Amino acid sequence: MSESLESITPLLYSVGVGIIGGFLVGYIVKKILNLAIILGVFTLGIFYLGQINVINLNFEEITASISSFENVIQTFTPLITSIPFVGSFFPGFLGGLRYG
C-alpha cells in the first residue's frame, strides 16, 4: 500500500499545485481585467498616433522588447508542458475567474 501511495504522491502534488495556481491566476486575471482593457486601448491609441506621425515611436525597439518577452515565456515551457499540471491548472483558472 505504501508503494502505491509513494508512486501517486508526485501526481497528487502536481494536480494540487495546478488547481491552486490556476485558481490564483484566474482570480488575478479577473481582478485586473478592467485595467488591462484600459491599458490596451491606451496602447492602441499610442500606436495609432505613431502610425500617423503625430508622435515618433521606435518600432524596432518595441519589437525587440516583445522578442525578449517571448524568450521569458520559452523558459517556462518545461513547466507548462506537464500534463497533470496543465490538466488541473485550467479548471482552477476557470474557478478563479468565476468565483474570484
N, C-alpha and C. Protein backbone atom coordinates (compact mmCIF):
# COMPACT_ATOMS: atom_id res chain seq x y z
N MET A 1 0.82 -1.19 0.00
CA MET A 1 0.00 0.00 0.00
C MET A 1 0.86 1.25 0.00
N SER A 2 1.95 1.25 0.77
CA SER A 2 2.79 2.45 0.83
C SER A 2 3.53 2.69 -0.47
N GLU A 3 3.81 1.60 -1.23
CA GLU A 3 4.46 1.77 -2.53
C GLU A 3 3.54 2.47 -3.52
N SER A 4 2.26 2.14 -3.52
CA SER A 4 1.34 2.80 -4.43
C SER A 4 1.12 4.26 -4.02
N LEU A 5 1.13 4.53 -2.72
CA LEU A 5 1.00 5.91 -2.25
C LEU A 5 2.21 6.73 -2.64
N GLU A 6 3.40 6.13 -2.56
CA GLU A 6 4.62 6.83 -2.95
C GLU A 6 4.65 7.13 -4.45
N SER A 7 4.07 6.25 -5.24
CA SER A 7 4.09 6.47 -6.69
C SER A 7 3.04 7.50 -7.12
N ILE A 8 1.98 7.67 -6.35
CA ILE A 8 0.94 8.61 -6.73
C ILE A 8 1.13 9.98 -6.09
N THR A 9 2.00 10.09 -5.09
CA THR A 9 2.21 11.36 -4.39
C THR A 9 2.67 12.48 -5.32
N PRO A 10 3.66 12.24 -6.23
CA PRO A 10 4.04 13.34 -7.13
C PRO A 10 2.90 13.80 -8.03
N LEU A 11 2.06 12.87 -8.46
CA LEU A 11 0.92 13.22 -9.29
C LEU A 11 -0.07 14.09 -8.50
N LEU A 12 -0.37 13.69 -7.28
CA LEU A 12 -1.28 14.47 -6.44
C LEU A 12 -0.72 15.86 -6.16
N TYR A 13 0.58 15.93 -5.93
CA TYR A 13 1.22 17.23 -5.69
C TYR A 13 1.09 18.12 -6.92
N SER A 14 1.35 17.56 -8.09
CA SER A 14 1.26 18.33 -9.32
C SER A 14 -0.16 18.81 -9.58
N VAL A 15 -1.12 17.94 -9.35
CA VAL A 15 -2.53 18.31 -9.55
C VAL A 15 -2.94 19.38 -8.55
N GLY A 16 -2.53 19.23 -7.29
CA GLY A 16 -2.87 20.21 -6.27
C GLY A 16 -2.28 21.58 -6.56
N VAL A 17 -1.02 21.59 -6.94
CA VAL A 17 -0.37 22.86 -7.28
C VAL A 17 -1.04 23.47 -8.50
N GLY A 18 -1.41 22.65 -9.46
CA GLY A 18 -2.07 23.15 -10.66
C GLY A 18 -3.41 23.79 -10.35
N ILE A 19 -4.20 23.14 -9.50
CA ILE A 19 -5.51 23.69 -9.16
C ILE A 19 -5.36 25.00 -8.39
N ILE A 20 -4.50 25.02 -7.39
CA ILE A 20 -4.31 26.23 -6.59
C ILE A 20 -3.73 27.35 -7.45
N GLY A 21 -2.70 27.01 -8.23
CA GLY A 21 -2.09 28.02 -9.11
C GLY A 21 -3.08 28.54 -10.14
N GLY A 22 -3.84 27.66 -10.73
CA GLY A 22 -4.84 28.08 -11.71
C GLY A 22 -5.90 28.98 -11.11
N PHE A 23 -6.34 28.64 -9.90
CA PHE A 23 -7.35 29.46 -9.24
C PHE A 23 -6.79 30.86 -8.96
N LEU A 24 -5.56 30.92 -8.46
CA LEU A 24 -4.95 32.21 -8.15
C LEU A 24 -4.75 33.05 -9.41
N VAL A 25 -4.29 32.43 -10.48
CA VAL A 25 -4.10 33.17 -11.72
C VAL A 25 -5.44 33.64 -12.28
N GLY A 26 -6.45 32.79 -12.23
CA GLY A 26 -7.77 33.19 -12.70
C GLY A 26 -8.34 34.34 -11.88
N TYR A 27 -8.14 34.28 -10.58
CA TYR A 27 -8.61 35.35 -9.69
C TYR A 27 -7.91 36.67 -10.02
N ILE A 28 -6.61 36.60 -10.20
CA ILE A 28 -5.84 37.81 -10.51
C ILE A 28 -6.24 38.36 -11.88
N VAL A 29 -6.41 37.48 -12.86
CA VAL A 29 -6.80 37.92 -14.20
C VAL A 29 -8.15 38.64 -14.15
N LYS A 30 -9.07 38.09 -13.39
CA LYS A 30 -10.39 38.72 -13.30
C LYS A 30 -10.30 40.09 -12.65
N LYS A 31 -9.48 40.21 -11.62
CA LYS A 31 -9.37 41.47 -10.89
C LYS A 31 -8.69 42.56 -11.71
N ILE A 32 -7.76 42.20 -12.59
CA ILE A 32 -7.04 43.23 -13.35
C ILE A 32 -7.53 43.36 -14.78
N LEU A 33 -8.61 42.68 -15.12
CA LEU A 33 -9.11 42.72 -16.49
C LEU A 33 -9.50 44.13 -16.92
N ASN A 34 -10.16 44.88 -16.06
CA ASN A 34 -10.54 46.25 -16.43
C ASN A 34 -9.31 47.11 -16.69
N LEU A 35 -8.30 46.97 -15.85
CA LEU A 35 -7.07 47.71 -16.05
C LEU A 35 -6.40 47.31 -17.36
N ALA A 36 -6.43 46.03 -17.69
CA ALA A 36 -5.83 45.55 -18.94
C ALA A 36 -6.55 46.13 -20.15
N ILE A 37 -7.86 46.23 -20.07
CA ILE A 37 -8.63 46.80 -21.19
C ILE A 37 -8.26 48.27 -21.37
N ILE A 38 -8.18 49.00 -20.28
CA ILE A 38 -7.82 50.42 -20.36
C ILE A 38 -6.41 50.58 -20.93
N LEU A 39 -5.46 49.76 -20.44
CA LEU A 39 -4.09 49.84 -20.96
C LEU A 39 -4.02 49.44 -22.43
N GLY A 40 -4.81 48.47 -22.83
CA GLY A 40 -4.84 48.05 -24.23
C GLY A 40 -5.35 49.14 -25.15
N VAL A 41 -6.42 49.79 -24.74
CA VAL A 41 -6.95 50.90 -25.55
C VAL A 41 -5.93 52.04 -25.61
N PHE A 42 -5.28 52.34 -24.48
CA PHE A 42 -4.25 53.37 -24.44
C PHE A 42 -3.09 53.01 -25.38
N THR A 43 -2.65 51.75 -25.34
CA THR A 43 -1.55 51.32 -26.20
C THR A 43 -1.93 51.41 -27.67
N LEU A 44 -3.13 50.98 -28.01
CA LEU A 44 -3.58 51.10 -29.40
C LEU A 44 -3.63 52.55 -29.84
N GLY A 45 -4.05 53.44 -28.93
CA GLY A 45 -4.06 54.87 -29.24
C GLY A 45 -2.65 55.41 -29.49
N ILE A 46 -1.70 54.98 -28.66
CA ILE A 46 -0.31 55.41 -28.86
C ILE A 46 0.22 54.89 -30.20
N PHE A 47 -0.04 53.62 -30.52
CA PHE A 47 0.41 53.08 -31.81
C PHE A 47 -0.23 53.80 -32.98
N TYR A 48 -1.50 54.14 -32.84
CA TYR A 48 -2.18 54.88 -33.91
C TYR A 48 -1.53 56.25 -34.10
N LEU A 49 -1.25 56.95 -33.00
CA LEU A 49 -0.60 58.25 -33.10
C LEU A 49 0.80 58.13 -33.71
N GLY A 50 1.48 57.04 -33.41
CA GLY A 50 2.78 56.80 -34.03
C GLY A 50 2.67 56.49 -35.51
N GLN A 51 1.61 55.80 -35.89
CA GLN A 51 1.41 55.44 -37.29
C GLN A 51 1.10 56.66 -38.16
N ILE A 52 0.35 57.60 -37.62
CA ILE A 52 0.01 58.80 -38.41
C ILE A 52 1.01 59.93 -38.18
N ASN A 53 2.14 59.61 -37.51
CA ASN A 53 3.26 60.52 -37.29
C ASN A 53 2.93 61.73 -36.42
N VAL A 54 2.01 61.58 -35.51
CA VAL A 54 1.76 62.63 -34.53
C VAL A 54 2.86 62.57 -33.46
N ILE A 55 3.24 61.35 -33.08
CA ILE A 55 4.37 61.13 -32.18
C ILE A 55 5.36 60.23 -32.88
N ASN A 56 6.59 60.22 -32.38
CA ASN A 56 7.65 59.44 -33.00
C ASN A 56 7.93 58.21 -32.15
N LEU A 57 7.70 57.02 -32.71
CA LEU A 57 7.94 55.76 -31.99
C LEU A 57 9.05 54.98 -32.68
N ASN A 58 9.87 54.30 -31.87
CA ASN A 58 10.91 53.43 -32.38
C ASN A 58 10.34 52.00 -32.41
N PHE A 59 9.74 51.62 -33.54
CA PHE A 59 9.08 50.33 -33.65
C PHE A 59 10.07 49.17 -33.58
N GLU A 60 11.33 49.38 -33.98
CA GLU A 60 12.34 48.33 -33.88
C GLU A 60 12.61 47.98 -32.41
N GLU A 61 12.67 49.00 -31.56
CA GLU A 61 12.90 48.78 -30.14
C GLU A 61 11.69 48.10 -29.50
N ILE A 62 10.51 48.45 -29.91
CA ILE A 62 9.30 47.81 -29.39
C ILE A 62 9.29 46.33 -29.78
N THR A 63 9.67 46.04 -31.03
CA THR A 63 9.73 44.65 -31.48
C THR A 63 10.78 43.87 -30.70
N ALA A 64 11.94 44.49 -30.42
CA ALA A 64 12.98 43.82 -29.64
C ALA A 64 12.49 43.53 -28.22
N SER A 65 11.74 44.44 -27.63
CA SER A 65 11.21 44.22 -26.28
C SER A 65 10.22 43.06 -26.27
N ILE A 66 9.39 42.99 -27.29
CA ILE A 66 8.43 41.88 -27.38
C ILE A 66 9.17 40.57 -27.57
N SER A 67 10.24 40.56 -28.35
CA SER A 67 11.03 39.35 -28.56
C SER A 67 11.68 38.89 -27.26
N SER A 68 12.16 39.81 -26.44
CA SER A 68 12.76 39.41 -25.16
C SER A 68 11.70 38.83 -24.24
N PHE A 69 10.47 39.33 -24.30
CA PHE A 69 9.38 38.76 -23.51
C PHE A 69 9.07 37.34 -23.98
N GLU A 70 9.18 37.10 -25.27
CA GLU A 70 8.97 35.76 -25.82
C GLU A 70 10.01 34.79 -25.27
N ASN A 71 11.25 35.25 -25.10
CA ASN A 71 12.29 34.40 -24.53
C ASN A 71 11.99 34.05 -23.08
N VAL A 72 11.38 34.96 -22.33
CA VAL A 72 11.00 34.68 -20.94
C VAL A 72 9.93 33.60 -20.92
N ILE A 73 8.98 33.67 -21.82
CA ILE A 73 7.91 32.66 -21.87
C ILE A 73 8.49 31.29 -22.22
N GLN A 74 9.49 31.25 -23.11
CA GLN A 74 10.09 29.98 -23.50
C GLN A 74 10.82 29.31 -22.35
N THR A 75 11.25 30.09 -21.35
CA THR A 75 11.92 29.49 -20.19
C THR A 75 10.94 28.69 -19.35
N PHE A 76 9.66 29.06 -19.37
CA PHE A 76 8.66 28.35 -18.59
C PHE A 76 8.00 27.21 -19.34
N THR A 77 8.41 26.96 -20.57
CA THR A 77 7.80 25.90 -21.38
C THR A 77 7.88 24.53 -20.73
N PRO A 78 9.02 24.10 -20.12
CA PRO A 78 9.02 22.78 -19.48
C PRO A 78 8.00 22.66 -18.35
N LEU A 79 7.77 23.73 -17.62
CA LEU A 79 6.77 23.70 -16.55
C LEU A 79 5.37 23.60 -17.12
N ILE A 80 5.13 24.31 -18.20
CA ILE A 80 3.80 24.35 -18.79
C ILE A 80 3.43 23.03 -19.46
N THR A 81 4.42 22.29 -19.96
CA THR A 81 4.13 21.07 -20.71
C THR A 81 3.81 19.87 -19.84
N SER A 82 3.83 20.02 -18.54
CA SER A 82 3.49 18.92 -17.64
C SER A 82 1.98 18.68 -17.71
N ILE A 83 1.57 17.52 -18.18
CA ILE A 83 0.16 17.21 -18.42
C ILE A 83 -0.69 17.27 -17.14
N PRO A 84 -0.29 16.67 -16.02
CA PRO A 84 -1.14 16.78 -14.83
C PRO A 84 -1.28 18.22 -14.34
N PHE A 85 -0.21 18.98 -14.44
CA PHE A 85 -0.26 20.37 -14.01
C PHE A 85 -1.22 21.17 -14.88
N VAL A 86 -1.09 21.03 -16.19
CA VAL A 86 -1.95 21.78 -17.11
C VAL A 86 -3.39 21.31 -16.96
N GLY A 87 -3.59 20.01 -16.81
CA GLY A 87 -4.93 19.47 -16.67
C GLY A 87 -5.65 19.97 -15.43
N SER A 88 -4.91 20.26 -14.38
CA SER A 88 -5.54 20.77 -13.17
C SER A 88 -5.49 22.29 -13.10
N PHE A 89 -4.54 22.90 -13.80
CA PHE A 89 -4.42 24.36 -13.81
C PHE A 89 -5.63 25.00 -14.48
N PHE A 90 -6.06 24.44 -15.60
CA PHE A 90 -7.16 25.03 -16.36
C PHE A 90 -8.47 25.08 -15.58
N PRO A 91 -8.91 23.98 -14.93
CA PRO A 91 -10.14 24.09 -14.13
C PRO A 91 -9.98 25.07 -12.96
N GLY A 92 -8.78 25.10 -12.35
CA GLY A 92 -8.54 26.06 -11.29
C GLY A 92 -8.61 27.48 -11.80
N PHE A 93 -8.07 27.71 -12.99
CA PHE A 93 -8.12 29.03 -13.63
C PHE A 93 -9.56 29.45 -13.86
N LEU A 94 -10.37 28.53 -14.39
CA LEU A 94 -11.77 28.86 -14.62
C LEU A 94 -12.52 29.12 -13.31
N GLY A 95 -12.18 28.37 -12.26
CA GLY A 95 -12.79 28.62 -10.96
C GLY A 95 -12.41 29.99 -10.42
N GLY A 96 -11.16 30.37 -10.61
CA GLY A 96 -10.73 31.68 -10.16
C GLY A 96 -11.43 32.80 -10.91
N LEU A 97 -11.64 32.59 -12.20
CA LEU A 97 -12.37 33.61 -12.99
C LEU A 97 -13.82 33.71 -12.54
N ARG A 98 -14.41 32.58 -12.23
CA ARG A 98 -15.83 32.59 -11.89
C ARG A 98 -16.10 33.06 -10.46
N TYR A 99 -15.32 32.55 -9.51
CA TYR A 99 -15.61 32.83 -8.10
C TYR A 99 -14.72 33.90 -7.49
N GLY A 100 -13.78 34.44 -8.27
CA GLY A 100 -12.85 35.44 -7.73
C GLY A 100 -13.43 36.81 -7.65
